Amino acid sequence: MNTVERVPAPRSYLEEGYGLRSWLTTHDHKRIAILYGIGITFFFFLGGLAAALIRWELVTPAGDLMSAETYNKTFTFHGVVMVWFFLIPSIPATLGNFLLPLMIGARDVAFPRLNLFSWYLYVVGGLFTLLCLLLGGVDTGWTFYTPFSTMFSNSNVMLVVVGVFVVGFSSIFTGLNFIVTVHTMRAPGMTWMRLPLFVWAMYAVALVMMLATPVLAMTLALIGLERLFGVGIFDPALGGDPVLFQHFFWFYSHPAVYIMILPAMGVVSELITNGARRRIFGYKFMVWAIIGIAVVGFLVWGHHMFVAGQSMYASIVFSILSFIIAVPSAIKVFNWTATLYRGDISFDAPMLYALGFVGLFMLGGLTGLFLAATALDVNLTDTYFVVAHFHYIMVGGAVMAYLGGIHYWWPKITGRLYSEAWARFAAILMFFGFNLTFFPQYILGYEGMPRRYHEYLPQFQVWNVLSSAGATILGAAYLLPLFYLAWSLRHGARAGPNPWDATGLEWTVPSPPPLHNFDEAPEVTEGPYAYRR
């Protein structure tokens, strides 16, 4: 009797060693993504705790929970942690690290050791920031504006500057790895116009990381030179120019907005095309919109400086460019909407997060046009209108997309399924809590309430109470996934290779994937998103 030899299933990347040392010395892009995910989650909830303290302080007009100095240190810590230790690395370092090689048919990233070194830099930068918190904090605001950060602040400015300086190199090395990987390690047949939009987004954001982050590093180094050695760079008394700092800082920090939002756009493109069971509408337009956003993003930094004393003519140019960058963003929204049209839409949790992203991003983007108009910006600068706009884009947009991507690829990452009912509830609660938190801040800003004050006039209290109530709901919504996703690791049903019936090379390997992803290099014969319609 003939017998059929059973070939054992390949071991997953999670089974390739269980000790702490095997994780801390790994070169596997998937394990490094998990390490990043643990660190990013820690900093997200640490920054969220600071945000909760801010909202509790603002329930009443009087500063009765914190002193002015403590309040300044709290919102500074919130901003530093959320921007540089969560938002910027969130999608690229976790989902990007895990998925980019899988999506292009590669066995790993181009430089595995550099990938691990990038994570260690992230940890070192985070430790400097935590040390600053333990030693009393910093009160400059997350933008480190001079001359306050160089001449007047008595807090631990240099510790945080060093932390952000170090984590910036983590971003640079990650960007370098992604660029070389996409250029040199694509599977046979994976032409540029067959790349998934998520890969295009990672490629574009890697270019921005490589070109913009060195400017931030240089600016932070100049702060150190002036603060420690009295070199006259930003101090007018020494021949410096404080506005020069703003030019340097925003030349990086506005492209950094797209470091946060471009990966989110890539994630949402994947979620919508799968959730609608349709090919993405206008694939090539979507690709060029991604590249357009990355390029024009370098040309609009001056709209942060309409009231900083820059030339009126420069303000006009920056205003026009700020309106222009809305065009590729609008193209993406129109194409997502067209993809949904007549689609076989399933309202699973990833789709709910994607739809939430589109709604919140649209409102944040439209209010960004208010701030791009010089006449309006003069009145709205440094009010809660700016706070609301920023959070609608960064938190409502980037965080919704990040969580949508985590839910979508969770079965692939872990090999387990989560509770769909709880996931849908969390997505809906998050959307409601977010709007209740930040929409009142548009009204507060329109009525003239300045940001960064721990006391305010009594007529602003109703909107602040609503905002703080929303923050409580939002905090609960952010905690929910932590519990049911952790529960799924032990009790969730096992996931097959392709639980979403999705296209893409990442869905052709087992869940979770084996160590080297593919036994043989796959051959790509058609474009992405090969759905029936």
Protein backbone atom coordinates (compact mmCIF):
# COMPACT_ATOMS: atom_id res chain seq x y z
CA MET A 1 0.00 0.00 0.00
CA ASN A 2 1.36 3.40 -0.98
CA THR A 3 1.71 5.91 1.83
CA VAL A 4 1.73 9.65 1.46
CA GLU A 5 4.48 11.37 3.38
CA ARG A 6 3.11 14.29 5.36
CA VAL A 7 5.28 17.38 5.12
CA PRO A 8 5.35 19.17 8.47
CA ALA A 9 4.11 22.74 8.45
CA PRO A 10 6.90 25.29 8.75
CA ARG A 11 7.43 26.70 12.18
CA SER A 12 6.20 30.25 12.66
CA TYR A 13 8.49 33.14 13.53
CA LEU A 14 7.05 33.04 17.06
CA GLU A 15 8.39 29.51 17.57
CA GLU A 16 11.97 30.32 16.59
CA GLY A 17 13.21 30.65 20.17
CA TYR A 18 11.28 31.60 23.29
CA GLY A 19 13.84 33.20 25.60
CA LEU A 20 14.32 36.90 26.13
CA ARG A 21 17.75 36.72 24.51
CA SER A 22 16.27 35.30 21.29
CA TRP A 23 14.03 38.37 21.05
CA LEU A 24 16.64 40.97 22.01
CA THR A 25 19.16 39.64 19.48
CA THR A 26 16.74 38.80 16.66
CA HIS A 27 17.27 39.97 13.09
CA ASP A 28 13.79 38.93 11.95
CA HIS A 29 11.77 41.93 10.75
CA LYS A 30 8.58 40.43 12.20
CA ARG A 31 9.96 40.07 15.72
CA ILE A 32 11.47 43.56 15.56
CA ALA A 33 8.01 44.85 14.61
CA ILE A 34 6.63 43.19 17.75
CA LEU A 35 9.35 44.79 19.88
CA TYR A 36 8.47 48.17 18.43
CA GLY A 37 4.79 47.47 19.06
CA ILE A 38 5.42 46.82 22.76
CA GLY A 39 7.41 50.05 23.15
CA ILE A 40 4.95 52.14 21.16
CA THR A 41 2.01 50.82 23.18
CA PHE A 42 3.79 51.71 26.42
CA PHE A 43 4.48 55.26 25.30
CA PHE A 44 0.96 55.66 23.89
CA PHE A 45 -0.65 55.00 27.25
CA LEU A 46 1.99 57.03 29.09
CA GLY A 47 1.28 60.01 26.83
CA GLY A 48 -2.43 59.31 27.15
CA LEU A 49 -2.17 59.50 30.95
CA ALA A 50 -0.63 62.98 30.59
CA ALA A 51 -3.52 63.95 28.29
CA ALA A 52 -6.02 62.72 30.89
CA LEU A 53 -4.37 64.88 33.56
CA ILE A 54 -4.63 67.89 31.24
CA ARG A 55 -8.34 67.32 30.63
CA TRP A 56 -9.05 66.79 34.35
CA GLU A 57 -7.28 70.06 35.10
CA LEU A 58 -9.45 71.89 32.55
CA VAL A 59 -12.79 70.74 33.96
CA THR A 60 -12.87 73.89 36.11
CA PRO A 61 -11.71 77.41 35.16
CA ALA A 62 -9.35 77.71 38.13
CA GLY A 63 -6.07 75.81 38.16
CA ASP A 64 -6.96 73.62 41.12
CA LEU A 65 -5.32 70.31 40.17
CA MET A 66 -1.85 71.43 39.04
CA SER A 67 0.28 74.51 39.29
CA ALA A 68 1.07 76.45 36.11
CA GLU A 69 4.59 74.99 36.05
CA THR A 70 3.37 71.40 36.46
CA TYR A 71 0.72 71.95 33.79
CA ASN A 72 3.40 73.20 31.37
CA LYS A 73 5.52 70.14 32.05
CA THR A 74 2.51 67.83 31.62
CA PHE A 75 1.47 69.07 28.18
CA THR A 76 5.12 69.18 27.09
CA PHE A 77 5.60 65.54 28.10
CA HIS A 78 2.33 64.60 26.38
CA GLY A 79 3.41 66.25 23.14
CA VAL A 80 6.97 64.91 23.13
CA VAL A 81 5.93 61.34 23.86
CA MET A 82 2.96 61.23 21.50
CA VAL A 83 4.71 62.85 18.53
CA TRP A 84 8.16 61.26 18.60
CA PHE A 85 7.63 58.03 20.48
CA PHE A 86 4.20 57.04 19.20
CA LEU A 87 2.80 58.85 16.16
CA ILE A 88 5.94 59.02 13.99
CA PRO A 89 7.11 55.42 14.49
CA SER A 90 3.66 53.84 15.03
CA ILE A 91 2.72 52.48 11.60
CA PRO A 92 6.15 52.39 9.87
CA ALA A 93 7.99 50.68 12.72
CA THR A 94 5.27 48.12 13.50
CA LEU A 95 3.05 47.35 10.51
CA GLY A 96 5.65 48.62 8.05
CA ASN A 97 8.40 46.47 9.49
CA PHE A 98 6.17 43.41 9.68
CA LEU A 99 4.40 43.69 6.33
CA LEU A 100 6.63 45.43 3.81
CA PRO A 101 8.90 42.40 3.09
CA LEU A 102 5.86 40.10 2.99
CA MET A 103 4.00 42.38 0.59
CA ILE A 104 6.85 42.53 -1.92
CA GLY A 105 7.81 38.85 -1.65
CA ALA A 106 11.07 39.36 0.27
CA ARG A 107 12.54 37.18 3.00
CA ASP A 108 13.45 40.15 5.23
CA VAL A 109 14.44 43.79 5.01
CA ALA A 110 17.68 44.70 3.25
CA PHE A 111 19.65 45.39 6.47
CA PRO A 112 18.34 43.17 9.32
CA ARG A 113 21.05 44.18 11.81
CA LEU A 114 20.45 47.87 11.13
CA ASN A 115 16.76 47.21 11.72
CA LEU A 116 17.48 45.84 15.19
CA PHE A 117 19.88 48.72 15.87
CA SER A 118 17.07 51.15 14.98
CA TRP A 119 14.90 49.60 17.69
CA TYR A 120 17.70 49.93 20.26
CA LEU A 121 18.07 53.61 19.35
CA TYR A 122 14.32 54.02 19.90
CA VAL A 123 14.66 52.45 23.35
CA VAL A 124 17.66 54.62 24.29
CA GLY A 125 15.85 57.79 23.19
CA GLY A 126 12.83 56.73 25.22
CA LEU A 127 14.98 56.13 28.31
CA PHE A 128 16.40 59.66 28.12
CA THR A 129 12.85 61.03 27.94
CA LEU A 130 11.69 58.92 30.88
CA LEU A 131 14.74 60.03 32.88
CA CYS A 132 13.74 63.62 32.23
CA LEU A 133 10.27 62.86 33.62
CA LEU A 134 11.75 61.27 36.75
CA LEU A 135 14.04 64.25 37.30
CA GLY A 136 11.22 66.80 37.14
CA GLY A 137 10.23 67.13 33.49
CA VAL A 138 10.58 69.89 30.91
CA ASP A 139 8.34 72.91 30.34
CA THR A 140 9.21 74.25 26.87
CA GLY A 141 6.36 72.67 24.93
CA TRP A 142 7.05 69.88 22.43
CA THR A 143 8.27 72.46 19.87
CA PHE A 144 11.23 73.65 22.05
CA TYR A 145 10.79 77.23 20.85
CA THR A 146 13.74 79.55 21.38
CA PRO A 147 14.67 81.69 23.23
CA PHE A 148 12.74 79.92 25.98
CA SER A 149 14.45 76.56 25.45
CA THR A 150 17.93 78.10 25.19
CA MET A 151 17.91 81.03 27.63
CA PHE A 152 15.11 80.90 30.17
CA SER A 153 13.93 77.38 30.94
CA ASN A 154 15.39 75.89 34.10
CA SER A 155 13.96 72.41 33.44
CA ASN A 156 15.68 69.36 31.94
CA VAL A 157 15.71 70.56 28.35
CA MET A 158 18.89 68.79 27.28
CA LEU A 159 17.74 65.34 28.42
CA VAL A 160 14.65 65.52 26.22
CA VAL A 161 16.60 67.07 23.35
CA VAL A 162 19.06 64.17 23.49
CA GLY A 163 16.18 61.68 23.62
CA VAL A 164 14.50 63.14 20.53
CA PHE A 165 17.88 63.49 18.80
CA VAL A 166 18.62 59.78 19.29
CA VAL A 167 15.15 58.58 18.25
CA GLY A 168 15.49 60.68 15.09
CA PHE A 169 18.33 58.43 13.94
CA SER A 170 16.07 55.44 14.53
CA SER A 171 13.68 56.98 11.97
CA ILE A 172 16.51 57.69 9.52
CA PHE A 173 17.80 54.11 9.61
CA THR A 174 14.28 52.69 9.27
CA GLY A 175 13.68 54.90 6.24
CA LEU A 176 16.99 53.82 4.68
CA ASN A 177 16.08 50.16 5.21
CA PHE A 178 12.67 50.56 3.57
CA ILE A 179 14.04 52.40 0.53
CA VAL A 180 16.75 49.83 -0.18
CA THR A 181 14.36 46.94 0.46
CA VAL A 182 11.76 48.22 -2.01
CA HIS A 183 14.38 48.98 -4.65
CA THR A 184 16.33 45.73 -4.48
CA MET A 185 14.19 42.94 -3.00
CA ARG A 186 10.90 42.92 -4.90
CA ALA A 187 9.70 39.51 -6.10
CA PRO A 188 9.93 38.66 -9.82
CA GLY A 189 7.11 40.44 -11.64
CA MET A 190 6.55 42.95 -8.81
CA THR A 191 6.90 46.08 -10.91
CA TRP A 192 6.50 49.55 -9.44
CA MET A 193 2.91 49.77 -10.65
CA ARG A 194 2.09 46.43 -9.06
CA LEU A 195 3.11 47.51 -5.57
CA PRO A 196 0.32 47.66 -2.97
CA LEU A 197 -0.53 51.21 -1.92
CA PHE A 198 0.66 50.43 1.60
CA VAL A 199 4.14 49.77 0.18
CA TRP A 200 4.00 53.00 -1.81
CA ALA A 201 3.09 54.86 1.38
CA MET A 202 6.00 53.26 3.25
CA TYR A 203 8.37 54.13 0.41
CA ALA A 204 7.23 57.78 0.31
CA VAL A 205 7.41 58.17 4.08
CA ALA A 206 10.88 56.62 4.08
CA LEU A 207 12.02 59.33 1.66
CA VAL A 208 10.58 62.00 3.96
CA MET A 209 12.30 60.41 6.98
CA MET A 210 15.64 60.38 5.19
CA LEU A 211 15.44 63.96 3.93
CA ALA A 212 13.70 65.79 6.80
CA THR A 213 14.89 64.13 10.01
CA PRO A 214 18.54 65.26 9.66
CA VAL A 215 17.28 68.85 9.77
CA LEU A 216 15.65 68.14 13.15
CA ALA A 217 18.87 66.56 14.40
CA MET A 218 20.84 69.63 13.32
CA THR A 219 18.32 71.97 14.98
CA LEU A 220 18.43 70.10 18.28
CA ALA A 221 22.23 70.10 18.18
CA LEU A 222 22.18 73.89 17.72
CA ILE A 223 19.91 74.22 20.78
CA GLY A 224 22.53 72.30 22.75
CA LEU A 225 25.38 74.48 21.47
CA GLU A 226 23.60 77.68 22.44
CA ARG A 227 22.30 76.42 25.77
CA LEU A 228 25.53 74.81 26.92
CA PHE A 229 28.23 76.99 25.34
CA GLY A 230 26.53 80.32 24.65
CA VAL A 231 27.07 80.18 20.88
CA GLY A 232 24.94 82.91 19.29
CA ILE A 233 22.60 81.10 16.91
CA PHE A 234 19.09 81.98 18.08
CA ASP A 235 19.79 84.62 20.78
CA PRO A 236 19.51 88.18 19.30
CA ALA A 237 21.83 89.51 22.00
CA LEU A 238 24.55 87.27 20.57
CA GLY A 239 23.75 88.01 16.94
CA GLY A 240 21.27 85.14 16.51
CA ASP A 241 17.70 85.01 15.22
CA PRO A 242 14.90 83.25 17.17
CA VAL A 243 12.74 83.02 14.03
CA LEU A 244 15.51 80.97 12.40
CA PHE A 245 14.74 78.20 14.88
CA GLN A 246 11.12 78.11 13.73
CA HIS A 247 12.21 77.82 10.09
CA PHE A 248 14.48 74.89 10.94
CA PHE A 249 11.98 73.20 13.24
CA TRP A 250 8.97 73.43 10.94
CA PHE A 251 11.00 72.48 7.87
CA TYR A 252 11.16 69.09 9.59
CA SER A 253 7.97 69.11 11.58
CA HIS A 254 5.52 69.78 8.80
CA PRO A 255 6.88 66.91 6.69
CA ALA A 256 6.68 64.98 9.98
CA VAL A 257 2.91 65.45 9.80
CA TYR A 258 3.04 63.41 6.61
CA ILE A 259 5.35 60.88 8.26
CA MET A 260 2.36 60.32 10.53
CA ILE A 261 -0.47 60.53 7.98
CA LEU A 262 0.96 58.95 4.78
CA PRO A 263 1.31 55.49 6.40
CA ALA A 264 -2.25 55.87 7.67
CA MET A 265 -3.42 56.55 4.11
CA GLY A 266 -1.65 53.40 2.95
CA VAL A 267 -3.36 51.32 5.64
CA VAL A 268 -6.80 52.76 4.87
CA SER A 269 -6.36 52.03 1.16
CA GLU A 270 -5.82 48.35 2.01
CA LEU A 271 -8.78 48.22 4.39
CA ILE A 272 -11.25 49.92 2.06
CA THR A 273 -10.46 47.90 -1.05
CA ASN A 274 -10.81 44.66 0.92
CA GLY A 275 -13.88 45.80 2.85
CA ALA A 276 -15.64 46.88 -0.37
CA ARG A 277 -14.45 43.81 -2.34
CA ARG A 278 -13.48 46.09 -5.22
CA ARG A 279 -10.27 47.12 -6.91
CA ILE A 280 -9.02 50.46 -5.67
CA PHE A 281 -10.41 53.21 -7.87
CA GLY A 282 -7.73 55.13 -9.78
CA TYR A 283 -4.68 53.19 -8.59
CA LYS A 284 -2.17 55.34 -10.51
CA PHE A 285 -3.79 58.55 -9.29
CA MET A 286 -3.49 57.23 -5.73
CA VAL A 287 0.22 56.49 -6.27
CA TRP A 288 0.97 59.95 -7.63
CA ALA A 289 -1.12 61.54 -4.86
CA ILE A 290 1.11 59.80 -2.30
CA ILE A 291 4.26 61.07 -4.03
CA GLY A 292 2.72 64.55 -4.43
CA ILE A 293 1.91 64.80 -0.73
CA ALA A 294 5.48 63.75 0.18
CA VAL A 295 7.03 66.32 -2.18
CA VAL A 296 4.78 69.34 -1.56
CA GLY A 297 4.92 68.62 2.18
CA PHE A 298 8.45 70.06 2.16
CA LEU A 299 7.23 73.41 0.81
CA VAL A 300 4.57 74.51 3.31
CA TRP A 301 6.39 74.85 6.64
CA GLY A 302 5.96 78.63 6.72
CA HIS A 303 2.22 78.46 7.35
CA HIS A 304 3.14 77.80 10.99
CA MET A 305 4.79 81.23 11.08
CA PHE A 306 2.19 83.68 9.79
CA VAL A 307 2.40 85.62 13.10
CA ALA A 308 6.12 85.03 13.75
CA GLY A 309 7.36 88.05 11.83
CA GLN A 310 8.25 86.47 8.51
CA SER A 311 7.84 88.39 5.27
CA MET A 312 4.27 89.13 4.15
CA TYR A 313 5.19 87.92 0.66
CA ALA A 314 6.56 84.66 2.08
CA SER A 315 3.30 84.18 3.98
CA ILE A 316 1.30 84.58 0.76
CA VAL A 317 3.45 81.96 -1.01
CA PHE A 318 3.17 79.52 1.89
CA SER A 319 -0.59 80.08 2.04
CA ILE A 320 -0.99 79.21 -1.65
CA LEU A 321 1.21 76.11 -1.31
CA SER A 322 -0.81 75.02 1.73
CA PHE A 323 -3.98 75.11 -0.36
CA ILE A 324 -2.23 73.19 -3.16
CA ILE A 325 -1.26 70.29 -0.88
CA ALA A 326 -4.95 69.77 -0.14
CA VAL A 327 -5.41 68.60 -3.75
CA PRO A 328 -3.62 65.21 -3.55
CA SER A 329 -5.23 64.61 -0.15
CA ALA A 330 -8.65 65.28 -1.70
CA ILE A 331 -7.84 62.90 -4.58
CA LYS A 332 -7.32 60.11 -2.08
CA VAL A 333 -10.63 60.83 -0.33
CA PHE A 334 -12.49 60.91 -3.66
CA ASN A 335 -10.87 57.64 -4.76
CA TRP A 336 -11.70 55.90 -1.49
CA THR A 337 -15.30 57.06 -1.87
CA ALA A 338 -15.42 55.83 -5.48
CA THR A 339 -14.01 52.47 -4.36
CA LEU A 340 -16.84 52.15 -1.86
CA TYR A 341 -19.48 53.04 -4.46
CA ARG A 342 -21.57 49.94 -5.29
CA GLY A 343 -19.13 47.79 -3.32
CA ASP A 344 -20.09 44.70 -1.34
CA ILE A 345 -19.27 46.46 1.91
CA SER A 346 -18.72 44.50 5.11
CA PHE A 347 -18.77 46.52 8.32
CA ASP A 348 -16.15 44.54 10.15
CA ALA A 349 -13.93 46.31 12.68
CA PRO A 350 -11.13 47.21 10.21
CA MET A 351 -13.68 48.79 7.86
CA LEU A 352 -15.25 50.77 10.71
CA TYR A 353 -11.83 52.13 11.64
CA ALA A 354 -11.16 53.01 7.99
CA LEU A 355 -14.48 54.83 7.62
CA GLY A 356 -13.81 56.63 10.90
CA PHE A 357 -10.43 57.71 9.56
CA VAL A 358 -11.97 59.13 6.37
CA GLY A 359 -14.57 61.16 8.29
CA LEU A 360 -12.16 62.55 10.87
CA PHE A 361 -9.40 63.21 8.32
CA MET A 362 -11.82 65.14 6.12
CA LEU A 363 -12.91 67.40 8.98
CA GLY A 364 -9.32 67.91 10.10
CA GLY A 365 -8.19 68.63 6.56
CA LEU A 366 -10.98 71.11 5.84
CA THR A 367 -10.21 73.04 9.02
CA GLY A 368 -6.57 73.03 7.96
CA LEU A 369 -7.63 75.24 5.05
CA PHE A 370 -8.90 77.76 7.62
CA LEU A 371 -5.42 77.89 9.12
CA ALA A 372 -3.80 78.15 5.68
CA ALA A 373 -5.66 81.43 5.06
CA THR A 374 -3.48 84.18 6.52
CA ALA A 375 -6.35 86.46 7.59
CA LEU A 376 -8.07 83.70 9.55
CA ASP A 377 -4.85 82.26 10.93
CA VAL A 378 -3.94 85.54 12.61
CA ASN A 379 -7.01 85.14 14.81
CA LEU A 380 -6.88 81.36 15.25
CA THR A 381 -3.16 80.90 15.92
CA ASP A 382 -2.39 79.53 19.39
CA THR A 383 -6.05 78.89 20.16
CA TYR A 384 -7.81 75.59 20.77
CA PHE A 385 -8.87 75.62 17.11
CA VAL A 386 -5.30 74.61 16.26
CA VAL A 387 -5.35 71.90 18.95
CA ALA A 388 -8.57 70.46 17.51
CA HIS A 389 -7.29 70.58 13.92
CA PHE A 390 -4.02 68.86 14.82
CA HIS A 391 -5.73 66.11 16.79
CA TYR A 392 -8.35 65.44 14.12
CA ILE A 393 -5.53 64.75 11.68
CA MET A 394 -3.01 63.06 13.94
CA VAL A 395 -5.11 61.27 16.54
CA GLY A 396 -8.42 60.90 14.72
CA GLY A 397 -6.58 60.05 11.53
CA ALA A 398 -3.32 58.29 12.34
CA VAL A 399 -4.51 56.42 15.45
CA MET A 400 -7.75 55.21 13.83
CA ALA A 401 -5.77 53.93 10.85
CA TYR A 402 -3.15 52.32 13.10
CA LEU A 403 -5.79 50.45 15.08
CA GLY A 404 -7.61 49.54 11.87
CA GLY A 405 -4.39 48.05 10.51
CA ILE A 406 -3.70 46.21 13.77
CA HIS A 407 -7.17 44.61 13.62
CA TYR A 408 -6.88 43.77 9.93
CA TRP A 409 -3.47 42.10 10.13
CA TRP A 410 -3.82 40.75 13.70
CA PRO A 411 -4.71 37.24 12.46
CA LYS A 412 -1.62 37.30 10.23
CA ILE A 413 0.66 38.60 13.00
CA THR A 414 -0.54 36.29 15.77
CA GLY A 415 -2.44 33.47 14.05
CA ARG A 416 -5.45 34.21 16.27
CA LEU A 417 -8.87 35.80 15.78
CA TYR A 418 -10.28 38.39 18.17
CA SER A 419 -13.87 39.09 19.25
CA GLU A 420 -15.47 40.91 16.33
CA ALA A 421 -18.33 42.23 18.50
CA TRP A 422 -15.96 43.87 20.99
CA ALA A 423 -13.82 45.24 18.17
CA ARG A 424 -16.81 46.88 16.46
CA PHE A 425 -17.99 48.33 19.76
CA ALA A 426 -14.54 49.80 20.46
CA ALA A 427 -14.34 51.38 16.99
CA ILE A 428 -17.76 53.03 17.33
CA LEU A 429 -17.08 54.17 20.91
CA MET A 430 -13.74 55.62 19.80
CA PHE A 431 -15.34 57.63 17.01
CA PHE A 432 -17.98 59.01 19.37
CA GLY A 433 -15.52 59.76 22.18
CA PHE A 434 -13.08 61.44 19.84
CA ASN A 435 -15.65 63.84 18.41
CA LEU A 436 -16.98 64.67 21.87
CA THR A 437 -13.42 65.41 22.99
CA PHE A 438 -12.15 67.56 20.17
CA PHE A 439 -15.08 69.11 18.33
CA PRO A 440 -15.86 71.41 21.31
CA GLN A 441 -12.27 72.63 21.03
CA TYR A 442 -13.03 74.05 17.57
CA ILE A 443 -15.72 76.16 19.21
CA LEU A 444 -13.41 77.14 22.08
CA GLY A 445 -10.76 78.27 19.61
CA TYR A 446 -13.28 80.18 17.51
CA GLU A 447 -14.42 81.96 20.68
CA GLY A 448 -10.81 82.86 21.50
CA MET A 449 -9.64 80.46 24.21
CA PRO A 450 -5.83 80.24 24.01
CA ARG A 451 -4.09 76.89 24.26
CA ARG A 452 -1.47 75.95 26.88
CA TYR A 453 -3.21 77.83 29.73
CA HIS A 454 -4.11 75.97 32.90
CA GLU A 455 -6.73 78.60 33.83
CA TYR A 456 -9.42 80.10 31.59
CA LEU A 457 -12.44 82.40 31.68
CA PRO A 458 -15.66 80.94 33.15
CA GLN A 459 -17.62 81.30 29.87
CA PHE A 460 -15.47 78.52 28.37
CA GLN A 461 -16.28 75.93 31.05
CA VAL A 462 -19.24 74.15 29.38
CA TRP A 463 -17.22 73.27 26.28
CA ASN A 464 -14.27 72.19 28.42
CA VAL A 465 -16.47 69.91 30.52
CA LEU A 466 -17.82 68.30 27.34
CA SER A 467 -14.29 67.87 26.04
CA SER A 468 -13.12 66.27 29.28
CA ALA A 469 -16.13 63.94 29.32
CA GLY A 470 -15.30 62.89 25.79
CA ALA A 471 -11.69 62.27 26.80
CA THR A 472 -12.89 59.85 29.48
CA ILE A 473 -14.92 57.92 26.89
CA LEU A 474 -12.03 58.02 24.45
CA GLY A 475 -9.63 56.67 27.06
CA ALA A 476 -11.96 53.73 27.73
CA ALA A 477 -12.22 53.08 23.99
CA TYR A 478 -8.42 52.99 23.68
CA LEU A 479 -8.14 50.54 26.58
CA LEU A 480 -10.68 48.07 25.17
CA PRO A 481 -8.49 46.71 22.32
CA LEU A 482 -5.67 46.16 24.79
CA PHE A 483 -7.87 43.69 26.67
CA TYR A 484 -9.66 41.76 23.92
CA LEU A 485 -6.57 41.53 21.71
CA ALA A 486 -4.54 40.23 24.66
CA TRP A 487 -7.38 37.78 25.42
CA SER A 488 -7.28 36.52 21.85
CA LEU A 489 -3.63 35.52 22.16
CA ARG A 490 -4.63 32.62 24.40
CA HIS A 491 -8.32 32.06 23.77
CA GLY A 492 -8.95 33.31 20.23
CA ALA A 493 -9.81 30.88 17.46
CA ARG A 494 -6.94 29.97 15.17
CA ALA A 495 -6.77 31.97 11.96
CA GLY A 496 -6.19 30.48 8.54
CA PRO A 497 -3.74 31.97 6.05
CA ASN A 498 -6.37 34.35 4.63
CA PRO A 499 -9.32 35.00 6.99
CA TRP A 500 -10.34 38.18 5.09
CA ASP A 501 -10.25 36.51 1.64
CA ALA A 502 -7.86 39.29 0.69
CA THR A 503 -5.38 39.68 -2.15
CA GLY A 504 -1.70 40.35 -1.60
CA LEU A 505 1.38 38.22 -1.04
CA GLU A 506 1.19 38.50 2.76
CA TRP A 507 -1.99 36.41 2.65
CA THR A 508 -0.34 33.54 0.75
CA VAL A 509 1.83 32.44 3.69
CA PRO A 510 0.67 30.74 6.90
CA SER A 511 -0.59 32.69 9.90
CA PRO A 512 1.67 33.50 11.68
CA PRO A 513 4.33 33.50 8.94
CA PRO A 514 7.43 31.29 9.05
CA LEU A 515 10.81 32.78 9.88
CA HIS A 516 11.91 33.52 6.32
CA ASN A 517 8.41 34.24 4.95
CA PHE A 518 8.64 32.37 1.64
CA ASP A 519 10.25 29.00 0.81
CA GLU A 520 10.71 30.24 -2.75
CA ALA A 521 10.42 33.72 -4.17
CA PRO A 522 6.83 34.17 -5.41
CA GLU A 523 6.20 35.36 -8.94
CA VAL A 524 3.75 38.23 -9.42
CA THR A 525 1.68 38.13 -12.62
CA GLU A 526 -0.97 40.81 -12.05
CA GLY A 527 -1.56 44.11 -10.32
CA PRO A 528 -2.72 44.53 -6.72
CA TYR A 529 -6.29 44.20 -5.48
CA ALA A 530 -7.44 41.54 -7.94
CA TYR A 531 -11.01 41.45 -6.68
CA ARG A 532 -13.89 40.56 -8.96
CA ARG A 533 -15.03 44.18 -9.44
